[in-house]
N, C-alpha and C. Protein backbone atom coordinates (compact mmCIF):
# COMPACT_ATOMS: atom_id res chain seq x y z
N MET A 1 -29.86 -17.41 -22.87
CA MET A 1 -28.49 -16.96 -22.81
C MET A 1 -28.09 -16.43 -24.19
N PRO A 2 -27.38 -15.28 -24.22
CA PRO A 2 -26.95 -14.74 -25.51
C PRO A 2 -26.08 -15.74 -26.26
N GLU A 3 -26.18 -15.71 -27.58
CA GLU A 3 -25.47 -16.67 -28.42
C GLU A 3 -23.96 -16.53 -28.37
N ASN A 4 -23.44 -15.32 -28.12
CA ASN A 4 -22.00 -15.09 -28.20
C ASN A 4 -21.24 -15.48 -26.93
N ILE A 5 -21.90 -16.05 -25.93
CA ILE A 5 -21.23 -16.46 -24.70
C ILE A 5 -20.83 -17.93 -24.82
N ASP A 6 -19.54 -18.19 -24.62
CA ASP A 6 -19.01 -19.55 -24.67
C ASP A 6 -19.13 -20.15 -23.27
N ILE A 7 -19.98 -21.12 -23.09
CA ILE A 7 -20.25 -21.72 -21.78
C ILE A 7 -18.97 -22.27 -21.15
N ASP A 8 -18.01 -22.71 -21.96
CA ASP A 8 -16.75 -23.24 -21.44
C ASP A 8 -15.91 -22.17 -20.76
N ASN A 9 -16.12 -20.92 -21.11
CA ASN A 9 -15.41 -19.82 -20.46
C ASN A 9 -16.10 -19.34 -19.19
N ILE A 10 -17.32 -19.81 -18.96
CA ILE A 10 -18.08 -19.38 -17.78
C ILE A 10 -18.00 -20.44 -16.68
N LEU A 11 -18.26 -21.69 -17.04
CA LEU A 11 -18.23 -22.77 -16.06
C LEU A 11 -16.79 -23.23 -15.89
N ILE A 12 -16.27 -23.05 -14.68
CA ILE A 12 -14.85 -23.38 -14.47
C ILE A 12 -14.64 -24.38 -13.35
N GLY A 13 -15.68 -25.10 -12.98
CA GLY A 13 -15.51 -26.13 -11.98
C GLY A 13 -16.75 -26.30 -11.12
N MET A 14 -16.66 -27.27 -10.22
CA MET A 14 -17.74 -27.54 -9.29
C MET A 14 -17.12 -27.66 -7.91
N VAL A 15 -17.85 -27.22 -6.90
CA VAL A 15 -17.35 -27.30 -5.53
C VAL A 15 -18.38 -27.99 -4.66
N THR A 16 -17.92 -28.52 -3.54
CA THR A 16 -18.79 -29.13 -2.54
C THR A 16 -18.61 -28.37 -1.24
N VAL A 17 -19.69 -28.08 -0.58
CA VAL A 17 -19.63 -27.38 0.70
C VAL A 17 -19.30 -28.41 1.78
N GLY A 18 -18.22 -28.14 2.53
CA GLY A 18 -17.80 -29.03 3.61
C GLY A 18 -18.63 -28.84 4.86
N GLU A 19 -18.33 -29.62 5.88
CA GLU A 19 -19.07 -29.58 7.14
C GLU A 19 -19.09 -28.20 7.78
N ARG A 20 -18.00 -27.47 7.65
CA ARG A 20 -17.91 -26.15 8.25
C ARG A 20 -18.32 -25.03 7.29
N GLY A 21 -18.94 -25.39 6.18
CA GLY A 21 -19.40 -24.39 5.22
C GLY A 21 -18.32 -23.91 4.27
N GLN A 22 -17.18 -24.56 4.27
CA GLN A 22 -16.08 -24.14 3.41
C GLN A 22 -16.17 -24.78 2.04
N ILE A 23 -15.63 -24.07 1.06
CA ILE A 23 -15.50 -24.61 -0.29
C ILE A 23 -14.05 -24.44 -0.73
N VAL A 24 -13.64 -25.23 -1.69
CA VAL A 24 -12.32 -25.10 -2.29
C VAL A 24 -12.53 -24.65 -3.73
N ILE A 25 -11.92 -23.54 -4.08
CA ILE A 25 -12.01 -23.06 -5.46
C ILE A 25 -11.11 -23.95 -6.32
N PRO A 26 -11.65 -24.52 -7.39
CA PRO A 26 -10.84 -25.43 -8.22
C PRO A 26 -9.56 -24.76 -8.71
N ALA A 27 -8.50 -25.54 -8.79
CA ALA A 27 -7.19 -25.03 -9.21
C ALA A 27 -7.27 -24.32 -10.56
N GLU A 28 -8.02 -24.89 -11.48
CA GLU A 28 -8.15 -24.27 -12.82
C GLU A 28 -8.74 -22.86 -12.70
N ALA A 29 -9.75 -22.72 -11.84
CA ALA A 29 -10.38 -21.42 -11.65
C ALA A 29 -9.41 -20.43 -11.00
N ARG A 30 -8.67 -20.89 -9.99
CA ARG A 30 -7.70 -20.02 -9.33
C ARG A 30 -6.64 -19.55 -10.31
N LYS A 31 -6.19 -20.46 -11.16
CA LYS A 31 -5.16 -20.11 -12.15
C LYS A 31 -5.72 -19.12 -13.17
N LYS A 32 -6.90 -19.41 -13.68
CA LYS A 32 -7.52 -18.57 -14.70
C LYS A 32 -7.80 -17.16 -14.17
N MET A 33 -8.18 -17.07 -12.90
CA MET A 33 -8.56 -15.79 -12.31
C MET A 33 -7.42 -15.14 -11.52
N ASN A 34 -6.24 -15.76 -11.52
CA ASN A 34 -5.08 -15.25 -10.76
C ASN A 34 -5.44 -15.02 -9.29
N ILE A 35 -6.02 -16.02 -8.68
CA ILE A 35 -6.38 -15.97 -7.26
C ILE A 35 -5.29 -16.72 -6.48
N TYR A 36 -4.71 -16.03 -5.51
CA TYR A 36 -3.60 -16.59 -4.75
C TYR A 36 -3.97 -16.77 -3.29
N THR A 37 -3.22 -17.63 -2.60
CA THR A 37 -3.42 -17.90 -1.19
C THR A 37 -3.46 -16.59 -0.40
N GLY A 38 -4.45 -16.45 0.45
CA GLY A 38 -4.58 -15.26 1.30
C GLY A 38 -5.31 -14.09 0.65
N GLU A 39 -5.62 -14.21 -0.64
CA GLU A 39 -6.32 -13.12 -1.33
C GLU A 39 -7.75 -13.02 -0.82
N ARG A 40 -8.22 -11.78 -0.65
CA ARG A 40 -9.57 -11.56 -0.15
C ARG A 40 -10.56 -11.51 -1.31
N LEU A 41 -11.67 -12.21 -1.12
CA LEU A 41 -12.74 -12.23 -2.11
C LEU A 41 -14.02 -11.75 -1.45
N ILE A 42 -14.87 -11.11 -2.23
CA ILE A 42 -16.19 -10.69 -1.77
C ILE A 42 -17.19 -11.71 -2.28
N ALA A 43 -18.04 -12.21 -1.40
CA ALA A 43 -19.09 -13.15 -1.80
C ALA A 43 -20.37 -12.35 -2.00
N VAL A 44 -20.98 -12.49 -3.18
CA VAL A 44 -22.23 -11.81 -3.48
C VAL A 44 -23.25 -12.84 -3.96
N CYS A 45 -24.51 -12.57 -3.69
CA CYS A 45 -25.55 -13.48 -4.17
C CYS A 45 -26.39 -12.75 -5.21
N ASN A 46 -27.09 -13.52 -6.02
CA ASN A 46 -27.97 -12.90 -7.01
C ASN A 46 -29.27 -12.47 -6.32
N PRO A 47 -30.08 -11.68 -6.99
CA PRO A 47 -31.31 -11.16 -6.36
C PRO A 47 -32.26 -12.23 -5.84
N ASN A 48 -32.25 -13.42 -6.43
CA ASN A 48 -33.15 -14.49 -5.99
C ASN A 48 -32.56 -15.31 -4.84
N HIS A 49 -31.34 -15.00 -4.44
CA HIS A 49 -30.64 -15.71 -3.36
C HIS A 49 -30.50 -17.20 -3.64
N ASN A 50 -30.24 -17.54 -4.90
CA ASN A 50 -30.04 -18.95 -5.22
C ASN A 50 -28.70 -19.20 -5.92
N GLY A 51 -27.78 -18.26 -5.78
CA GLY A 51 -26.46 -18.42 -6.36
C GLY A 51 -25.46 -17.49 -5.70
N ILE A 52 -24.19 -17.87 -5.72
CA ILE A 52 -23.12 -17.07 -5.12
C ILE A 52 -22.04 -16.85 -6.16
N ALA A 53 -21.49 -15.65 -6.18
CA ALA A 53 -20.32 -15.34 -7.01
C ALA A 53 -19.26 -14.74 -6.10
N PHE A 54 -18.01 -14.94 -6.44
CA PHE A 54 -16.91 -14.38 -5.67
C PHE A 54 -16.17 -13.37 -6.54
N LEU A 55 -15.92 -12.21 -5.99
CA LEU A 55 -15.23 -11.14 -6.69
C LEU A 55 -13.96 -10.80 -5.93
N LYS A 56 -12.87 -10.55 -6.66
CA LYS A 56 -11.62 -10.18 -6.02
C LYS A 56 -11.77 -8.80 -5.38
N MET A 57 -11.37 -8.69 -4.11
CA MET A 57 -11.51 -7.44 -3.37
C MET A 57 -10.82 -6.28 -4.07
N ASN A 58 -9.59 -6.49 -4.53
CA ASN A 58 -8.87 -5.38 -5.17
C ASN A 58 -9.54 -4.96 -6.48
N GLU A 59 -10.13 -5.90 -7.21
CA GLU A 59 -10.84 -5.56 -8.44
C GLU A 59 -12.12 -4.79 -8.13
N MET A 60 -12.80 -5.17 -7.06
CA MET A 60 -14.01 -4.46 -6.65
C MET A 60 -13.67 -3.03 -6.24
N LYS A 61 -12.57 -2.86 -5.51
CA LYS A 61 -12.13 -1.51 -5.11
C LYS A 61 -11.85 -0.66 -6.35
N ASN A 62 -11.15 -1.23 -7.33
CA ASN A 62 -10.85 -0.50 -8.57
C ASN A 62 -12.14 -0.11 -9.28
N PHE A 63 -13.09 -1.04 -9.35
CA PHE A 63 -14.37 -0.79 -10.01
C PHE A 63 -15.12 0.35 -9.32
N VAL A 64 -15.19 0.30 -7.99
CA VAL A 64 -15.89 1.33 -7.23
C VAL A 64 -15.20 2.69 -7.40
N ASN A 65 -13.87 2.70 -7.40
CA ASN A 65 -13.13 3.95 -7.59
C ASN A 65 -13.40 4.54 -8.98
N GLN A 66 -13.45 3.69 -9.99
CA GLN A 66 -13.74 4.18 -11.35
C GLN A 66 -15.14 4.77 -11.43
N ILE A 67 -16.10 4.09 -10.84
CA ILE A 67 -17.47 4.61 -10.85
C ILE A 67 -17.53 5.93 -10.11
N SER A 68 -16.88 5.99 -8.95
CA SER A 68 -16.89 7.21 -8.14
C SER A 68 -16.30 8.39 -8.91
N SER A 69 -15.17 8.18 -9.56
CA SER A 69 -14.54 9.29 -10.29
C SER A 69 -15.39 9.71 -11.48
N ARG A 70 -16.03 8.76 -12.13
CA ARG A 70 -16.91 9.11 -13.25
C ARG A 70 -18.14 9.86 -12.77
N LEU A 71 -18.67 9.48 -11.62
CA LEU A 71 -19.82 10.19 -11.06
C LEU A 71 -19.44 11.60 -10.65
N ASP A 72 -18.23 11.75 -10.07
CA ASP A 72 -17.75 13.09 -9.71
C ASP A 72 -17.66 13.97 -10.95
N GLY A 73 -17.10 13.41 -12.02
CA GLY A 73 -16.99 14.16 -13.26
C GLY A 73 -18.35 14.53 -13.83
N LEU A 74 -19.27 13.59 -13.79
CA LEU A 74 -20.63 13.85 -14.28
C LEU A 74 -21.30 14.92 -13.43
N GLU A 75 -21.14 14.81 -12.12
CA GLU A 75 -21.74 15.78 -11.21
C GLU A 75 -21.19 17.18 -11.49
N ASN A 76 -19.89 17.30 -11.69
CA ASN A 76 -19.29 18.60 -12.00
C ASN A 76 -19.78 19.14 -13.33
N SER A 77 -19.92 18.26 -14.31
CA SER A 77 -20.40 18.69 -15.63
C SER A 77 -21.83 19.19 -15.56
N LEU A 78 -22.64 18.54 -14.74
CA LEU A 78 -24.05 18.91 -14.65
C LEU A 78 -24.32 20.06 -13.68
N LYS A 79 -23.34 20.36 -12.84
CA LYS A 79 -23.53 21.38 -11.81
C LYS A 79 -23.95 22.73 -12.43
N GLY A 80 -23.20 23.19 -13.40
CA GLY A 80 -23.53 24.46 -14.04
C GLY A 80 -24.87 24.42 -14.75
N TYR A 81 -25.16 23.29 -15.36
CA TYR A 81 -26.42 23.11 -16.07
C TYR A 81 -27.60 23.15 -15.10
N SER A 82 -27.48 22.41 -13.99
CA SER A 82 -28.59 22.33 -13.05
C SER A 82 -28.80 23.65 -12.32
N GLU A 83 -27.72 24.42 -12.11
CA GLU A 83 -27.87 25.71 -11.42
C GLU A 83 -28.78 26.64 -12.20
N LYS A 84 -28.79 26.54 -13.50
CA LYS A 84 -29.67 27.36 -14.31
C LYS A 84 -31.14 27.08 -14.00
N PHE A 85 -31.44 25.82 -13.70
CA PHE A 85 -32.81 25.42 -13.47
C PHE A 85 -33.19 25.41 -11.99
N ASP A 86 -32.20 25.41 -11.11
CA ASP A 86 -32.47 25.41 -9.68
C ASP A 86 -32.69 26.81 -9.14
N ASP A 87 -32.31 27.82 -9.88
CA ASP A 87 -32.42 29.20 -9.43
C ASP A 87 -33.89 29.62 -9.41
N SER A 88 -34.41 30.00 -8.25
CA SER A 88 -35.83 30.35 -8.12
C SER A 88 -36.17 31.61 -8.91
N ASP A 89 -35.20 32.52 -9.10
CA ASP A 89 -35.46 33.71 -9.91
C ASP A 89 -35.80 33.33 -11.34
N ASN A 90 -35.09 32.36 -11.87
CA ASN A 90 -35.37 31.91 -13.23
C ASN A 90 -36.77 31.32 -13.33
N LEU A 91 -37.21 30.62 -12.31
CA LEU A 91 -38.54 30.04 -12.31
C LEU A 91 -39.60 31.14 -12.25
N SER A 92 -39.32 32.18 -11.49
CA SER A 92 -40.26 33.30 -11.41
C SER A 92 -40.41 33.95 -12.76
N GLU A 93 -39.30 34.12 -13.47
CA GLU A 93 -39.35 34.73 -14.80
C GLU A 93 -40.16 33.87 -15.75
N VAL A 94 -40.01 32.55 -15.65
CA VAL A 94 -40.77 31.65 -16.51
C VAL A 94 -42.25 31.74 -16.18
N ASP A 95 -42.59 31.77 -14.90
CA ASP A 95 -43.99 31.88 -14.47
C ASP A 95 -44.58 33.20 -14.95
N ASN A 96 -43.82 34.28 -14.86
CA ASN A 96 -44.33 35.59 -15.31
C ASN A 96 -44.52 35.65 -16.81
N ALA A 97 -43.77 34.89 -17.55
CA ALA A 97 -43.88 34.90 -19.01
C ALA A 97 -45.16 34.22 -19.46
N LYS A 98 -45.74 33.37 -18.62
CA LYS A 98 -46.98 32.66 -18.99
C LYS A 98 -48.08 33.64 -18.95
């Protein structure tokens, strides 16, 4: 683990899975993360399938929207650049120059 991570800011409680598979998010964690009754969370697992994290739905939407807009901008920036190399006439000229 990197040295600059404070473990006290990462570990915010422990939960027990009930009979119906439910968990209760500790009050401290709900307060720290501003999680309110009825709020939707996304459950994700790590690649090894041995851990679960919960992400706020609205934060995930914001994150995806930011990525999408940045990709759109990148795509537009690269469009003119890639057209120079995608044009088959330009490739023919390069082949003829050899």
